Amino acid sequence: MAHDPAYLSLRHAHRRFGVKATATAVGGFLLYVLLSSFTPGLMNRSLSGHLTLGLALGLGQFVLMAVIVWRYLVHLRTRVTPVVRGLRGLARHHEATGGGRGPAHPEPPAAPYDRGYRSW
């Protein structure tokens, strides 16, 4: 299964999305920290009443995380889940036709753990 083209494309797409999402989250947070450190005058600029640009950008970090989580869920629903369902069906078909370890080839029994439990 690990060499199936659908599985390989699934891993590639999932990894690519993870890299993009991580870079976006870390980049947004790093930008906020750098702006806070090096441009305090800009970050202290009042937008409305007690709301400053720094506070608005800080709250924007929560919005950014929510957007990333939403995009992740959309990615799972549209790209990952259909491929996983197809691969699961393929694996079940492979087991049913005797190509895998089915009832004719049961799993060997697990070796007992001979040292017992450790006390904390």
C-alpha atoms as a PDB file:
ATOM      1  CA  MET A   1       0.000   0.000   0.000  1.00  0.00           C
ATOM      2  CA  ALA A   2       2.900   2.349   0.749  1.00  0.00           C
ATOM      3  CA  HIS A   3       3.940   2.337  -2.922  1.00  0.00           C
ATOM      4  CA  ASP A   4       0.469   2.961  -4.337  1.00  0.00           C
ATOM      5  CA  PRO A   5       0.438   6.187  -6.429  1.00  0.00           C
ATOM      6  CA  ALA A   6      -2.759   7.394  -4.739  1.00  0.00           C
ATOM      7  CA  TYR A   7      -1.184   6.960  -1.311  1.00  0.00           C
ATOM      8  CA  LEU A   8       1.994   8.734  -2.378  1.00  0.00           C
ATOM      9  CA  SER A   9       0.018  11.653  -3.837  1.00  0.00           C
ATOM     10  CA  LEU A  10      -2.037  11.806  -0.627  1.00  0.00           C
ATOM     11  CA  ARG A  11       1.111  12.023   1.499  1.00  0.00           C
ATOM     12  CA  HIS A  12       2.583  14.667  -0.808  1.00  0.00           C
ATOM     13  CA  ALA A  13      -0.561  16.833  -0.776  1.00  0.00           C
ATOM     14  CA  HIS A  14      -0.980  16.522   2.987  1.00  0.00           C
ATOM     15  CA  ARG A  15       2.666  17.385   3.641  1.00  0.00           C
ATOM     16  CA  ARG A  16       2.530  20.341   1.231  1.00  0.00           C
ATOM     17  CA  PHE A  17      -0.542  21.716   2.986  1.00  0.00           C
ATOM     18  CA  GLY A  18       1.089  21.235   6.385  1.00  0.00           C
ATOM     19  CA  VAL A  19       4.184  23.149   5.312  1.00  0.00           C
ATOM     20  CA  LYS A  20       2.102  26.009   3.917  1.00  0.00           C
ATOM     21  CA  ALA A  21      -0.128  26.208   7.003  1.00  0.00           C
ATOM     22  CA  THR A  22       2.835  26.112   9.374  1.00  0.00           C
ATOM     23  CA  ALA A  23       4.717  28.763   7.400  1.00  0.00           C
ATOM     24  CA  THR A  24       1.642  31.001   7.419  1.00  0.00           C
ATOM     25  CA  ALA A  25       1.071  30.622  11.171  1.00  0.00           C
ATOM     26  CA  VAL A  26       4.712  31.090  12.132  1.00  0.00           C
ATOM     27  CA  GLY A  27       5.161  33.921   9.638  1.00  0.00           C
ATOM     28  CA  GLY A  28       2.135  35.797  10.964  1.00  0.00           C
ATOM     29  CA  PHE A  29       3.259  35.410  14.554  1.00  0.00           C
ATOM     30  CA  LEU A  30       6.847  36.377  13.703  1.00  0.00           C
ATOM     31  CA  LEU A  31       5.637  39.458  11.853  1.00  0.00           C
ATOM     32  CA  TYR A  32       3.573  40.474  14.890  1.00  0.00           C
ATOM     33  CA  VAL A  33       6.509  39.984  17.268  1.00  0.00           C
ATOM     34  CA  LEU A  34       8.913  41.885  15.020  1.00  0.00           C
ATOM     35  CA  LEU A  35       6.498  44.775  14.584  1.00  0.00           C
ATOM     36  CA  SER A  36       5.946  44.883  18.349  1.00  0.00           C
ATOM     37  CA  SER A  37       9.668  44.918  19.001  1.00  0.00           C
ATOM     38  CA  PHE A  38      10.919  47.324  16.358  1.00  0.00           C
ATOM     39  CA  THR A  39       7.993  49.679  15.662  1.00  0.00           C
ATOM     40  CA  PRO A  40       6.380  50.477  19.026  1.00  0.00           C
ATOM     41  CA  GLY A  41       5.136  53.819  17.742  1.00  0.00           C
ATOM     42  CA  LEU A  42       3.208  52.145  14.949  1.00  0.00           C
ATOM     43  CA  MET A  43       1.825  49.431  17.213  1.00  0.00           C
ATOM     44  CA  ASN A  44       0.682  52.014  19.807  1.00  0.00           C
ATOM     45  CA  ARG A  45      -1.264  54.012  17.226  1.00  0.00           C
ATOM     46  CA  SER A  46      -4.882  54.285  18.315  1.00  0.00           C
ATOM     47  CA  LEU A  47      -7.505  52.929  15.932  1.00  0.00           C
ATOM     48  CA  SER A  48     -10.618  53.590  17.986  1.00  0.00           C
ATOM     49  CA  GLY A  49     -10.761  54.497  21.664  1.00  0.00           C
ATOM     50  CA  HIS A  50      -8.500  52.106  23.556  1.00  0.00           C
ATOM     51  CA  LEU A  51      -8.032  49.789  20.555  1.00  0.00           C
ATOM     52  CA  THR A  52      -4.505  50.113  19.200  1.00  0.00           C
ATOM     53  CA  LEU A  53      -3.029  48.649  16.050  1.00  0.00           C
ATOM     54  CA  GLY A  54      -0.928  46.261  18.160  1.00  0.00           C
ATOM     55  CA  LEU A  55      -3.971  44.973  20.011  1.00  0.00           C
ATOM     56  CA  ALA A  56      -5.888  44.563  16.753  1.00  0.00           C
ATOM     57  CA  LEU A  57      -2.992  42.633  15.184  1.00  0.00           C
ATOM     58  CA  GLY A  58      -2.688  40.507  18.321  1.00  0.00           C
ATOM     59  CA  LEU A  59      -6.372  39.624  18.128  1.00  0.00           C
ATOM     60  CA  GLY A  60      -5.832  39.025  14.426  1.00  0.00           C
ATOM     61  CA  GLN A  61      -3.598  36.096  15.394  1.00  0.00           C
ATOM     62  CA  PHE A  62      -6.712  34.281  16.621  1.00  0.00           C
ATOM     63  CA  VAL A  63      -8.444  35.037  13.337  1.00  0.00           C
ATOM     64  CA  LEU A  64      -5.419  33.751  11.421  1.00  0.00           C
ATOM     65  CA  MET A  65      -5.427  30.490  13.410  1.00  0.00           C
ATOM     66  CA  ALA A  66      -9.169  30.081  12.841  1.00  0.00           C
ATOM     67  CA  VAL A  67      -8.707  30.545   9.081  1.00  0.00           C
ATOM     68  CA  ILE A  68      -5.889  28.002   9.033  1.00  0.00           C
ATOM     69  CA  VAL A  69      -7.994  25.470  10.943  1.00  0.00           C
ATOM     70  CA  TRP A  70     -10.939  26.078   8.611  1.00  0.00           C
ATOM     71  CA  ARG A  71      -8.719  25.594   5.536  1.00  0.00           C
ATOM     72  CA  TYR A  72      -7.326  22.398   7.089  1.00  0.00           C
ATOM     73  CA  LEU A  73     -10.836  21.020   7.536  1.00  0.00           C
ATOM     74  CA  VAL A  74     -11.717  21.925   3.946  1.00  0.00           C
ATOM     75  CA  HIS A  75      -8.488  20.283   2.769  1.00  0.00           C
ATOM     76  CA  LEU A  76      -9.327  17.096   4.674  1.00  0.00           C
ATOM     77  CA  ARG A  77     -12.901  17.021   3.396  1.00  0.00           C
ATOM     78  CA  THR A  78     -12.077  17.670  -0.256  1.00  0.00           C
ATOM     79  CA  ARG A  79      -8.667  16.080  -0.836  1.00  0.00           C
ATOM     80  CA  VAL A  80      -7.804  13.616   1.882  1.00  0.00           C
ATOM     81  CA  THR A  81     -11.070  11.877   2.769  1.00  0.00           C
ATOM     82  CA  PRO A  82     -12.006  10.765  -0.789  1.00  0.00           C
ATOM     83  CA  VAL A  83      -8.557   9.291  -1.402  1.00  0.00           C
ATOM     84  CA  VAL A  84      -8.524   7.578   2.001  1.00  0.00           C
ATOM     85  CA  ARG A  85     -11.929   6.030   1.326  1.00  0.00           C
ATOM     86  CA  GLY A  86     -10.702   4.724  -2.015  1.00  0.00           C
ATOM     87  CA  LEU A  87      -7.533   3.305  -0.491  1.00  0.00           C
ATOM     88  CA  ARG A  88      -9.496   1.721   2.356  1.00  0.00           C
ATOM     89  CA  GLY A  89     -11.824   0.063  -0.155  1.00  0.00           C
ATOM     90  CA  LEU A  90      -8.829  -1.124  -2.161  1.00  0.00           C
ATOM     91  CA  ALA A  91      -7.230  -2.592   0.957  1.00  0.00           C
ATOM     92  CA  ARG A  92     -10.454  -4.357   1.955  1.00  0.00           C
ATOM     93  CA  HIS A  93     -10.812  -5.776  -1.543  1.00  0.00           C
ATOM     94  CA  HIS A  94      -7.197  -6.916  -1.458  1.00  0.00           C
ATOM     95  CA  GLU A  95      -7.759  -8.688   1.875  1.00  0.00           C
ATOM     96  CA  ALA A  96     -11.029 -10.259   0.712  1.00  0.00           C
ATOM     97  CA  THR A  97      -9.418 -11.734  -2.385  1.00  0.00           C
ATOM     98  CA  GLY A  98      -6.628 -13.292  -0.335  1.00  0.00           C
ATOM     99  CA  GLY A  99      -3.915 -10.873  -1.353  1.00  0.00           C
ATOM    100  CA  GLY A 100      -3.194  -9.775   2.173  1.00  0.00           C
ATOM    101  CA  ARG A 101      -3.120 -11.286   5.613  1.00  0.00           C
ATOM    102  CA  GLY A 102      -6.702 -12.435   5.845  1.00  0.00           C
ATOM    103  CA  PRO A 103      -8.319 -15.241   7.831  1.00  0.00           C
ATOM    104  CA  ALA A 104      -6.101 -17.795   6.084  1.00  0.00           C
ATOM    105  CA  HIS A 105      -3.023 -16.085   7.551  1.00  0.00           C
ATOM    106  CA  PRO A 106      -3.829 -15.033  11.112  1.00  0.00           C
ATOM    107  CA  GLU A 107      -1.554 -12.677  12.993  1.00  0.00           C
ATOM    108  CA  PRO A 108       0.950 -14.473  15.212  1.00  0.00           C
ATOM    109  CA  PRO A 109       0.166 -14.158  18.915  1.00  0.00           C
ATOM    110  CA  ALA A 110       1.878 -11.297  20.667  1.00  0.00           C
ATOM    111  CA  ALA A 111       4.806 -12.230  22.854  1.00  0.00           C
ATOM    112  CA  PRO A 112       4.027 -11.768  26.536  1.00  0.00           C
ATOM    113  CA  TYR A 113       5.758  -8.930  28.263  1.00  0.00           C
ATOM    114  CA  ASP A 114       8.067 -10.851  30.560  1.00  0.00           C
ATOM    115  CA  ARG A 115       9.277  -8.034  32.830  1.00  0.00           C
ATOM    116  CA  GLY A 116       5.882  -7.154  34.231  1.00  0.00           C
ATOM    117  CA  TYR A 117       4.757  -3.650  35.072  1.00  0.00           C
ATOM    118  CA  ARG A 118       7.098  -0.992  36.368  1.00  0.00           C
ATOM    119  CA  SER A 119       6.180   0.680  39.584  1.00  0.00           C
ATOM    120  CA  TRP A 120       6.080   4.444  39.552  1.00  0.00           C
END
